[in-house]
Amino acid sequence: MRDDAHFLLGDASGTDAKFQEFLAYKHYEHVTIYFSGDFARHNLGGWQSEYIDSGLKSKGHAMHTAKDRDMTKMADTGLMIWDTASPGTIANVIDLLAQGKPCQLFVAGNDANLYHFVAPEDLAVWEERHPEVFEESHKRLVSYAKRVAKREPSDQDTLF
């Protein structure tokens, strides 16, 4: 906030909403809320919002993955809060690092601390501690990449 950073935030209950609450309390203006549902579930500061079409009819985590992938593309860095259970949060960290973007991860709970990552191998210790979360994160990223590849026109589609 001191550097007038622009925050890209999701619209979910929980951490997204709490961070929005904090930024609204501070009257911080440089915020964009990303959503993939019919409407932004939370936009507590009345900020600009961006609808990201997932191309899916389901309302599960896969629908929100499109929004998360767009946010990681747009971001210069990431700051996430992780409960040690959410594969979506770890997928965001993996995605940012794969793009060569640094990120910070605040791990809540007994091991509460802020960790800085600059490369995928920096996550090795956390992957050893939480293999099932990382496995699900990787599955979600692969599944998303397959969905995107199916939607992209092939060279044959553009010949005629």
N, C-alpha and C. Protein backbone atom coordinates (compact mmCIF):
# COMPACT_ATOMS: atom_id res chain seq x y z
N MET A 1 0.82 -1.18 0.00
CA MET A 1 0.00 0.00 0.00
C MET A 1 0.87 1.26 0.00
N ARG A 2 2.00 1.20 0.68
CA ARG A 2 2.92 2.35 0.70
C ARG A 2 3.41 2.70 -0.69
N ASP A 3 3.52 1.69 -1.56
CA ASP A 3 4.00 1.89 -2.92
C ASP A 3 2.87 2.06 -3.93
N ASP A 4 1.65 2.21 -3.46
CA ASP A 4 0.47 2.33 -4.32
C ASP A 4 0.30 1.13 -5.24
N ALA A 5 0.61 -0.06 -4.73
CA ALA A 5 0.44 -1.29 -5.51
C ALA A 5 -1.03 -1.48 -5.86
N HIS A 6 -1.26 -2.10 -6.99
CA HIS A 6 -2.62 -2.44 -7.41
C HIS A 6 -2.88 -3.89 -7.02
N PHE A 7 -3.89 -4.13 -6.22
CA PHE A 7 -4.21 -5.47 -5.75
C PHE A 7 -5.25 -6.11 -6.66
N LEU A 8 -4.99 -7.34 -7.06
CA LEU A 8 -5.94 -8.16 -7.81
C LEU A 8 -6.45 -9.20 -6.83
N LEU A 9 -7.75 -9.15 -6.55
CA LEU A 9 -8.31 -10.03 -5.53
C LEU A 9 -9.46 -10.84 -6.08
N GLY A 10 -9.61 -12.03 -5.52
CA GLY A 10 -10.77 -12.84 -5.83
C GLY A 10 -11.98 -12.38 -5.04
N ASP A 11 -13.09 -13.04 -5.29
CA ASP A 11 -14.36 -12.64 -4.68
C ASP A 11 -14.89 -13.66 -3.66
N ALA A 12 -14.06 -14.60 -3.25
CA ALA A 12 -14.52 -15.68 -2.37
C ALA A 12 -14.73 -15.21 -0.94
N SER A 13 -15.54 -16.00 -0.23
CA SER A 13 -15.68 -15.81 1.21
C SER A 13 -14.35 -16.17 1.86
N GLY A 14 -14.19 -15.86 3.08
CA GLY A 14 -12.96 -16.23 3.78
C GLY A 14 -11.88 -15.20 3.56
N THR A 15 -10.70 -15.66 3.16
CA THR A 15 -9.53 -14.79 3.05
C THR A 15 -9.74 -13.65 2.06
N ASP A 16 -10.30 -13.94 0.88
CA ASP A 16 -10.55 -12.87 -0.09
C ASP A 16 -11.40 -11.76 0.54
N ALA A 17 -12.49 -12.15 1.15
CA ALA A 17 -13.41 -11.18 1.75
C ALA A 17 -12.75 -10.43 2.90
N LYS A 18 -11.98 -11.13 3.71
CA LYS A 18 -11.30 -10.47 4.84
C LYS A 18 -10.26 -9.46 4.35
N PHE A 19 -9.52 -9.80 3.30
CA PHE A 19 -8.54 -8.87 2.76
C PHE A 19 -9.26 -7.67 2.13
N GLN A 20 -10.38 -7.93 1.47
CA GLN A 20 -11.19 -6.83 0.94
C GLN A 20 -11.66 -5.93 2.08
N GLU A 21 -12.10 -6.53 3.16
CA GLU A 21 -12.57 -5.77 4.32
C GLU A 21 -11.46 -4.85 4.83
N PHE A 22 -10.25 -5.36 4.92
CA PHE A 22 -9.11 -4.57 5.38
C PHE A 22 -8.84 -3.40 4.44
N LEU A 23 -8.80 -3.67 3.13
CA LEU A 23 -8.53 -2.62 2.15
C LEU A 23 -9.65 -1.57 2.13
N ALA A 24 -10.88 -2.00 2.29
CA ALA A 24 -12.01 -1.06 2.34
C ALA A 24 -11.91 -0.19 3.59
N TYR A 25 -11.56 -0.80 4.70
CA TYR A 25 -11.38 -0.06 5.96
C TYR A 25 -10.31 1.02 5.80
N LYS A 26 -9.27 0.71 5.06
CA LYS A 26 -8.17 1.66 4.81
C LYS A 26 -8.50 2.64 3.68
N HIS A 27 -9.68 2.49 3.07
CA HIS A 27 -10.10 3.33 1.94
C HIS A 27 -9.10 3.25 0.79
N TYR A 28 -8.56 2.04 0.58
CA TYR A 28 -7.57 1.84 -0.48
C TYR A 28 -8.29 1.68 -1.81
N GLU A 29 -7.84 2.41 -2.81
CA GLU A 29 -8.56 2.46 -4.08
C GLU A 29 -8.00 1.57 -5.19
N HIS A 30 -6.75 1.18 -5.11
CA HIS A 30 -6.10 0.46 -6.21
C HIS A 30 -6.36 -1.05 -6.10
N VAL A 31 -7.60 -1.42 -6.39
CA VAL A 31 -8.03 -2.81 -6.23
C VAL A 31 -8.92 -3.18 -7.41
N THR A 32 -8.75 -4.39 -7.93
CA THR A 32 -9.67 -4.95 -8.90
C THR A 32 -10.12 -6.32 -8.39
N ILE A 33 -11.42 -6.55 -8.42
CA ILE A 33 -11.98 -7.82 -7.97
C ILE A 33 -12.26 -8.68 -9.20
N TYR A 34 -11.73 -9.90 -9.18
CA TYR A 34 -11.93 -10.86 -10.27
C TYR A 34 -12.96 -11.89 -9.85
N PHE A 35 -13.86 -12.23 -10.78
CA PHE A 35 -14.88 -13.23 -10.47
C PHE A 35 -15.23 -14.03 -11.73
N SER A 36 -15.73 -15.25 -11.52
CA SER A 36 -16.10 -16.12 -12.64
C SER A 36 -17.55 -16.56 -12.58
N GLY A 37 -18.23 -16.26 -11.52
CA GLY A 37 -19.64 -16.63 -11.40
C GLY A 37 -20.53 -15.61 -12.09
N ASP A 38 -21.81 -15.67 -11.79
CA ASP A 38 -22.77 -14.76 -12.39
C ASP A 38 -22.56 -13.31 -11.93
N PHE A 39 -21.96 -13.16 -10.75
CA PHE A 39 -21.70 -11.84 -10.16
C PHE A 39 -20.57 -11.99 -9.15
N ALA A 40 -19.95 -10.88 -8.79
CA ALA A 40 -18.91 -10.92 -7.76
C ALA A 40 -19.58 -11.19 -6.41
N ARG A 41 -19.19 -12.27 -5.77
CA ARG A 41 -19.80 -12.64 -4.50
C ARG A 41 -19.47 -11.63 -3.40
N HIS A 42 -18.27 -11.06 -3.48
CA HIS A 42 -17.85 -10.05 -2.52
C HIS A 42 -17.08 -8.96 -3.27
N ASN A 43 -17.49 -7.74 -3.06
CA ASN A 43 -16.76 -6.56 -3.54
C ASN A 43 -17.03 -5.47 -2.51
N LEU A 44 -16.37 -5.59 -1.38
CA LEU A 44 -16.69 -4.78 -0.20
C LEU A 44 -16.29 -3.33 -0.33
N GLY A 45 -15.45 -3.00 -1.30
CA GLY A 45 -15.04 -1.61 -1.50
C GLY A 45 -15.68 -0.98 -2.71
N GLY A 46 -16.55 -1.71 -3.38
CA GLY A 46 -17.17 -1.19 -4.59
C GLY A 46 -16.14 -0.89 -5.68
N TRP A 47 -15.08 -1.68 -5.73
CA TRP A 47 -13.99 -1.47 -6.68
C TRP A 47 -14.38 -1.95 -8.08
N GLN A 48 -13.53 -1.62 -9.02
CA GLN A 48 -13.67 -2.14 -10.38
C GLN A 48 -13.64 -3.66 -10.28
N SER A 49 -14.43 -4.32 -11.12
CA SER A 49 -14.42 -5.79 -11.13
C SER A 49 -14.24 -6.28 -12.55
N GLU A 50 -13.69 -7.47 -12.66
CA GLU A 50 -13.43 -8.10 -13.96
C GLU A 50 -14.06 -9.49 -13.97
N TYR A 51 -14.99 -9.69 -14.90
CA TYR A 51 -15.59 -11.00 -15.08
C TYR A 51 -14.68 -11.84 -15.99
N ILE A 52 -14.35 -13.03 -15.54
CA ILE A 52 -13.55 -13.97 -16.33
C ILE A 52 -14.42 -15.18 -16.63
N ASP A 53 -14.73 -15.37 -17.90
CA ASP A 53 -15.56 -16.49 -18.32
C ASP A 53 -14.76 -17.78 -18.28
N SER A 54 -15.20 -18.71 -17.47
CA SER A 54 -14.50 -19.98 -17.34
C SER A 54 -14.86 -20.94 -18.48
N GLY A 55 -15.96 -20.68 -19.16
CA GLY A 55 -16.43 -21.59 -20.19
C GLY A 55 -17.11 -22.82 -19.62
N LEU A 56 -17.34 -22.82 -18.31
CA LEU A 56 -17.95 -23.97 -17.64
C LEU A 56 -19.31 -23.60 -17.08
N LYS A 57 -20.18 -24.59 -16.99
CA LYS A 57 -21.49 -24.38 -16.40
C LYS A 57 -21.47 -24.70 -14.90
N SER A 58 -20.51 -25.52 -14.47
CA SER A 58 -20.44 -25.92 -13.06
C SER A 58 -20.06 -24.73 -12.20
N LYS A 59 -20.40 -24.80 -10.93
CA LYS A 59 -20.11 -23.72 -9.99
C LYS A 59 -19.00 -24.11 -9.02
N GLY A 60 -18.25 -25.16 -9.31
CA GLY A 60 -17.21 -25.63 -8.40
C GLY A 60 -15.89 -24.92 -8.59
N HIS A 61 -14.85 -25.50 -7.98
CA HIS A 61 -13.52 -24.88 -8.01
C HIS A 61 -13.00 -24.69 -9.42
N ALA A 62 -13.38 -25.58 -10.35
CA ALA A 62 -12.88 -25.47 -11.72
C ALA A 62 -13.32 -24.17 -12.37
N MET A 63 -14.53 -23.70 -12.04
CA MET A 63 -15.00 -22.44 -12.60
C MET A 63 -14.12 -21.28 -12.14
N HIS A 64 -13.68 -21.32 -10.90
CA HIS A 64 -12.88 -20.23 -10.35
C HIS A 64 -11.42 -20.30 -10.77
N THR A 65 -11.00 -21.44 -11.28
CA THR A 65 -9.62 -21.59 -11.73
C THR A 65 -9.29 -20.61 -12.85
N ALA A 66 -10.24 -20.36 -13.76
CA ALA A 66 -10.00 -19.42 -14.86
C ALA A 66 -9.65 -18.04 -14.33
N LYS A 67 -10.38 -17.60 -13.32
CA LYS A 67 -10.12 -16.31 -12.69
C LYS A 67 -8.74 -16.29 -12.06
N ASP A 68 -8.40 -17.35 -11.37
CA ASP A 68 -7.10 -17.42 -10.71
C ASP A 68 -5.96 -17.39 -11.73
N ARG A 69 -6.12 -18.13 -12.84
CA ARG A 69 -5.07 -18.15 -13.86
C ARG A 69 -4.90 -16.76 -14.49
N ASP A 70 -6.00 -16.06 -14.73
CA ASP A 70 -5.90 -14.71 -15.27
C ASP A 70 -5.21 -13.77 -14.29
N MET A 71 -5.52 -13.91 -13.02
CA MET A 71 -4.89 -13.04 -12.02
C MET A 71 -3.39 -13.29 -11.96
N THR A 72 -2.96 -14.56 -12.07
CA THR A 72 -1.52 -14.82 -12.03
C THR A 72 -0.83 -14.29 -13.28
N LYS A 73 -1.52 -14.29 -14.42
CA LYS A 73 -0.94 -13.71 -15.63
C LYS A 73 -0.75 -12.21 -15.48
N MET A 74 -1.70 -11.54 -14.88
CA MET A 74 -1.68 -10.09 -14.74
C MET A 74 -0.72 -9.61 -13.65
N ALA A 75 -0.51 -10.42 -12.64
CA ALA A 75 0.26 -10.00 -11.47
C ALA A 75 1.76 -9.96 -11.74
N ASP A 76 2.43 -9.08 -11.03
CA ASP A 76 3.89 -9.03 -11.04
C ASP A 76 4.45 -9.93 -9.95
N THR A 77 3.69 -10.10 -8.89
CA THR A 77 4.07 -10.91 -7.74
C THR A 77 2.78 -11.37 -7.07
N GLY A 78 2.89 -12.26 -6.13
CA GLY A 78 1.71 -12.75 -5.43
C GLY A 78 1.88 -12.70 -3.93
N LEU A 79 0.78 -12.50 -3.25
CA LEU A 79 0.72 -12.58 -1.80
C LEU A 79 -0.51 -13.41 -1.48
N MET A 80 -0.31 -14.58 -0.94
CA MET A 80 -1.41 -15.47 -0.61
C MET A 80 -1.37 -15.84 0.86
N ILE A 81 -2.53 -16.16 1.39
CA ILE A 81 -2.66 -16.67 2.76
C ILE A 81 -3.15 -18.09 2.63
N TRP A 82 -2.45 -19.01 3.26
CA TRP A 82 -2.75 -20.43 3.10
C TRP A 82 -3.05 -21.09 4.43
N ASP A 83 -4.10 -21.87 4.46
CA ASP A 83 -4.50 -22.60 5.66
C ASP A 83 -3.88 -24.00 5.73
N THR A 84 -2.98 -24.31 4.84
CA THR A 84 -2.32 -25.61 4.66
C THR A 84 -3.25 -26.68 4.12
N ALA A 85 -4.45 -26.30 3.70
CA ALA A 85 -5.39 -27.28 3.16
C ALA A 85 -5.86 -26.94 1.75
N SER A 86 -5.82 -25.68 1.35
CA SER A 86 -6.39 -25.26 0.07
C SER A 86 -5.46 -25.54 -1.11
N PRO A 87 -5.87 -26.46 -2.00
CA PRO A 87 -5.05 -26.69 -3.20
C PRO A 87 -5.10 -25.52 -4.17
N GLY A 88 -6.17 -24.72 -4.14
CA GLY A 88 -6.27 -23.56 -5.02
C GLY A 88 -5.18 -22.54 -4.74
N THR A 89 -4.91 -22.31 -3.47
CA THR A 89 -3.86 -21.36 -3.08
C THR A 89 -2.51 -21.84 -3.57
N ILE A 90 -2.22 -23.11 -3.38
CA ILE A 90 -0.93 -23.66 -3.82
C ILE A 90 -0.84 -23.66 -5.34
N ALA A 91 -1.94 -23.92 -6.04
CA ALA A 91 -1.92 -23.84 -7.50
C ALA A 91 -1.52 -22.44 -7.95
N ASN A 92 -2.00 -21.41 -7.26
CA ASN A 92 -1.62 -20.04 -7.59
C ASN A 92 -0.13 -19.81 -7.39
N VAL A 93 0.41 -20.33 -6.30
CA VAL A 93 1.84 -20.18 -6.03
C VAL A 93 2.65 -20.90 -7.12
N ILE A 94 2.27 -22.12 -7.44
CA ILE A 94 2.97 -22.90 -8.46
C ILE A 94 2.92 -22.16 -9.80
N ASP A 95 1.75 -21.64 -10.15
CA ASP A 95 1.58 -20.93 -11.41
C ASP A 95 2.45 -19.68 -11.48
N LEU A 96 2.45 -18.89 -10.42
CA LEU A 96 3.28 -17.68 -10.40
C LEU A 96 4.76 -18.03 -10.56
N LEU A 97 5.21 -19.02 -9.81
CA LEU A 97 6.63 -19.40 -9.87
C LEU A 97 6.99 -19.96 -11.24
N ALA A 98 6.08 -20.70 -11.87
CA ALA A 98 6.34 -21.23 -13.21
C ALA A 98 6.49 -20.10 -14.23
N GLN A 99 5.87 -18.96 -13.95
CA GLN A 99 5.99 -17.80 -14.83
C GLN A 99 7.19 -16.92 -14.46
N GLY A 100 7.98 -17.36 -13.49
CA GLY A 100 9.15 -16.59 -13.07
C GLY A 100 8.81 -15.41 -12.19
N LYS A 101 7.64 -15.46 -11.55
CA LYS A 101 7.21 -14.35 -10.69
C LYS A 101 7.36 -14.75 -9.23
N PRO A 102 7.95 -13.88 -8.42
CA PRO A 102 8.10 -14.20 -7.00
C PRO A 102 6.76 -14.14 -6.29
N CYS A 103 6.67 -14.80 -5.16
CA CYS A 103 5.45 -14.68 -4.37
C CYS A 103 5.76 -14.89 -2.90
N GLN A 104 4.82 -14.40 -2.11
CA GLN A 104 4.91 -14.54 -0.67
C GLN A 104 3.70 -15.35 -0.24
N LEU A 105 3.93 -16.21 0.72
CA LEU A 105 2.87 -17.08 1.22
C LEU A 105 2.85 -16.96 2.74
N PHE A 106 1.76 -16.44 3.26
CA PHE A 106 1.58 -16.43 4.71
C PHE A 106 0.89 -17.73 5.07
N VAL A 107 1.57 -18.55 5.85
CA VAL A 107 1.01 -19.83 6.28
C VAL A 107 0.39 -19.62 7.66
N ALA A 108 -0.91 -19.83 7.74
CA ALA A 108 -1.64 -19.64 8.98
C ALA A 108 -1.56 -20.91 9.83
N GLY A 109 -1.90 -20.80 11.08
CA GLY A 109 -1.94 -21.96 11.96
C GLY A 109 -0.71 -22.06 12.84
N ASN A 110 -0.36 -23.30 13.21
CA ASN A 110 0.76 -23.54 14.13
C ASN A 110 2.09 -23.04 13.57
N ASP A 111 2.24 -23.06 12.26
CA ASP A 111 3.49 -22.67 11.61
C ASP A 111 3.36 -21.27 11.01
N ALA A 112 2.56 -20.40 11.65
CA ALA A 112 2.27 -19.07 11.10
C ALA A 112 3.55 -18.29 10.83
N ASN A 113 3.72 -17.93 9.56
CA ASN A 113 4.90 -17.18 9.15
C ASN A 113 4.71 -16.75 7.71
N LEU A 114 5.50 -15.79 7.28
CA LEU A 114 5.48 -15.33 5.90
C LEU A 114 6.71 -15.89 5.20
N TYR A 115 6.48 -16.60 4.11
CA TYR A 115 7.56 -17.23 3.36
C TYR A 115 7.66 -16.59 1.98
N HIS A 116 8.88 -16.46 1.50
CA HIS A 116 9.15 -15.86 0.19
C HIS A 116 9.67 -16.94 -0.76
N PHE A 117 9.11 -17.00 -1.95
CA PHE A 117 9.49 -17.98 -2.95
C PHE A 117 9.83 -17.28 -4.25
N VAL A 118 10.89 -17.75 -4.90
CA VAL A 118 11.28 -17.19 -6.20
C VAL A 118 11.39 -18.24 -7.29
N ALA A 119 11.38 -19.50 -6.92
CA ALA A 119 11.52 -20.59 -7.89
C ALA A 119 10.71 -21.80 -7.42
N PRO A 120 10.23 -22.62 -8.36
CA PRO A 120 9.42 -23.78 -7.98
C PRO A 120 10.09 -24.69 -6.94
N GLU A 121 11.40 -24.84 -7.02
CA GLU A 121 12.07 -25.73 -6.07
C GLU A 121 12.02 -25.20 -4.63
N ASP A 122 11.70 -23.93 -4.46
CA ASP A 122 11.55 -23.36 -3.12
C ASP A 122 10.39 -23.98 -2.36
N LEU A 123 9.48 -24.64 -3.08
CA LEU A 123 8.31 -25.25 -2.47
C LEU A 123 8.54 -26.68 -2.00
N ALA A 124 9.71 -27.22 -2.22
CA ALA A 124 9.97 -28.64 -1.96
C ALA A 124 9.61 -29.07 -0.53
N VAL A 125 10.00 -28.29 0.45
CA VAL A 125 9.72 -28.65 1.85
C VAL A 125 8.21 -28.69 2.10
N TRP A 126 7.48 -27.73 1.53
CA TRP A 126 6.04 -27.70 1.73
C TRP A 126 5.35 -28.85 1.00
N GLU A 127 5.88 -29.21 -0.16
CA GLU A 127 5.30 -30.34 -0.89
C GLU A 127 5.52 -31.65 -0.13
N GLU A 128 6.66 -31.79 0.54
CA GLU A 128 6.91 -32.98 1.36
C GLU A 128 5.95 -33.03 2.55
N ARG A 129 5.66 -31.88 3.13
CA ARG A 129 4.76 -31.82 4.30
C ARG A 129 3.29 -32.01 3.93
N HIS A 130 2.92 -31.59 2.72
CA HIS A 130 1.50 -31.60 2.32
C HIS A 130 1.34 -32.20 0.91
N PRO A 131 1.77 -33.46 0.74
CA PRO A 131 1.77 -34.05 -0.62
C PRO A 131 0.39 -34.12 -1.26
N GLU A 132 -0.66 -34.39 -0.48
CA GLU A 132 -1.99 -34.51 -1.05
C GLU A 132 -2.51 -33.16 -1.57
N VAL A 133 -2.17 -32.09 -0.90
CA VAL A 133 -2.58 -30.75 -1.35
C VAL A 133 -1.86 -30.40 -2.65
N PHE A 134 -0.57 -30.69 -2.71
CA PHE A 134 0.21 -30.39 -3.91
C PHE A 134 -0.23 -31.26 -5.08
N GLU A 135 -0.54 -32.52 -4.80
CA GLU A 135 -1.03 -33.40 -5.87
C GLU A 135 -2.32 -32.86 -6.48
N GLU A 136 -3.24 -32.44 -5.63
CA GLU A 136 -4.50 -31.86 -6.11
C GLU A 136 -4.25 -30.55 -6.86
N SER A 137 -3.32 -29.74 -6.39
CA SER A 137 -2.98 -28.48 -7.07
C SER A 137 -2.48 -28.75 -8.48
N HIS A 138 -1.58 -29.70 -8.61
CA HIS A 138 -1.04 -30.05 -9.93
C HIS A 138 -2.16 -30.59 -10.84
N LYS A 139 -3.04 -31.42 -10.30
CA LYS A 139 -4.16 -31.95 -11.09
C LYS A 139 -5.02 -30.81 -11.63
N ARG A 140 -5.31 -29.84 -10.78
CA ARG A 140 -6.14 -28.71 -11.19
C ARG A 140 -5.47 -27.89 -12.30
N LEU A 141 -4.16 -27.68 -12.18
CA LEU A 141 -3.45 -26.92 -13.20
C LEU A 141 -3.42 -27.67 -14.53
N VAL A 142 -3.21 -28.97 -14.49
CA VAL A 142 -3.20 -29.78 -15.70
C VAL A 142 -4.59 -29.81 -16.34
N SER A 143 -5.60 -29.99 -15.51
CA SER A 143 -6.97 -30.01 -16.01
C SER A 143 -7.33 -28.68 -16.67
N TYR A 144 -6.94 -27.59 -16.07
CA TYR A 144 -7.21 -26.28 -16.66
C TYR A 144 -6.49 -26.12 -18.00
N ALA A 145 -5.23 -26.53 -18.05
CA ALA A 145 -4.47 -26.42 -19.30
C ALA A 145 -5.12 -27.25 -20.41
N LYS A 146 -5.64 -28.41 -20.07
CA LYS A 146 -6.33 -29.25 -21.07
C LYS A 146 -7.61 -28.57 -21.56
N ARG A 147 -8.38 -27.98 -20.64
CA ARG A 147 -9.61 -27.28 -21.04
C ARG A 147 -9.29 -26.12 -21.98
N VAL A 148 -8.26 -25.37 -21.67
CA VAL A 148 -7.88 -24.22 -22.50
C VAL A 148 -7.43 -24.71 -23.88
N ALA A 149 -6.65 -25.78 -23.92
CA ALA A 149 -6.16 -26.31 -25.19
C ALA A 149 -7.32 -26.78 -26.07
N LYS A 150 -8.36 -27.36 -25.48
CA LYS A 150 -9.53 -27.81 -26.24
C LYS A 150 -10.29 -26.64 -26.85
N ARG A 151 -10.32 -25.51 -26.13
CA ARG A 151 -11.08 -24.35 -26.61
C ARG A 151 -10.34 -23.55 -27.67
N GLU A 152 -9.02 -23.66 -27.72
CA GLU A 152 -8.26 -22.90 -28.70
C GLU A 152 -8.44 -23.50 -30.09
N PRO A 153 -8.66 -22.66 -31.10
CA PRO A 153 -8.84 -23.19 -32.45
C PRO A 153 -7.55 -23.83 -32.96
N SER A 154 -7.73 -24.92 -33.68
CA SER A 154 -6.55 -25.58 -34.26
C SER A 154 -6.17 -24.87 -35.55
N ASP A 155 -5.00 -25.15 -36.08
CA ASP A 155 -4.55 -24.56 -37.34
C ASP A 155 -5.53 -24.91 -38.47
N GLN A 156 -6.09 -26.11 -38.42
CA GLN A 156 -7.01 -26.55 -39.45
C GLN A 156 -8.29 -25.70 -39.44
N ASP A 157 -8.73 -25.27 -38.25
CA ASP A 157 -9.93 -24.45 -38.16
C ASP A 157 -9.75 -23.09 -38.83
N THR A 158 -8.53 -22.60 -38.91
CA THR A 158 -8.29 -21.27 -39.48
C THR A 158 -7.89 -21.29 -40.94
N LEU A 159 -7.82 -22.46 -41.56
CA LEU A 159 -7.40 -22.56 -42.96
C LEU A 159 -8.50 -22.11 -43.92
N PHE A 160 -9.76 -22.24 -43.54
CA PHE A 160 -10.86 -21.94 -44.47
C PHE A 160 -11.73 -20.80 -43.96
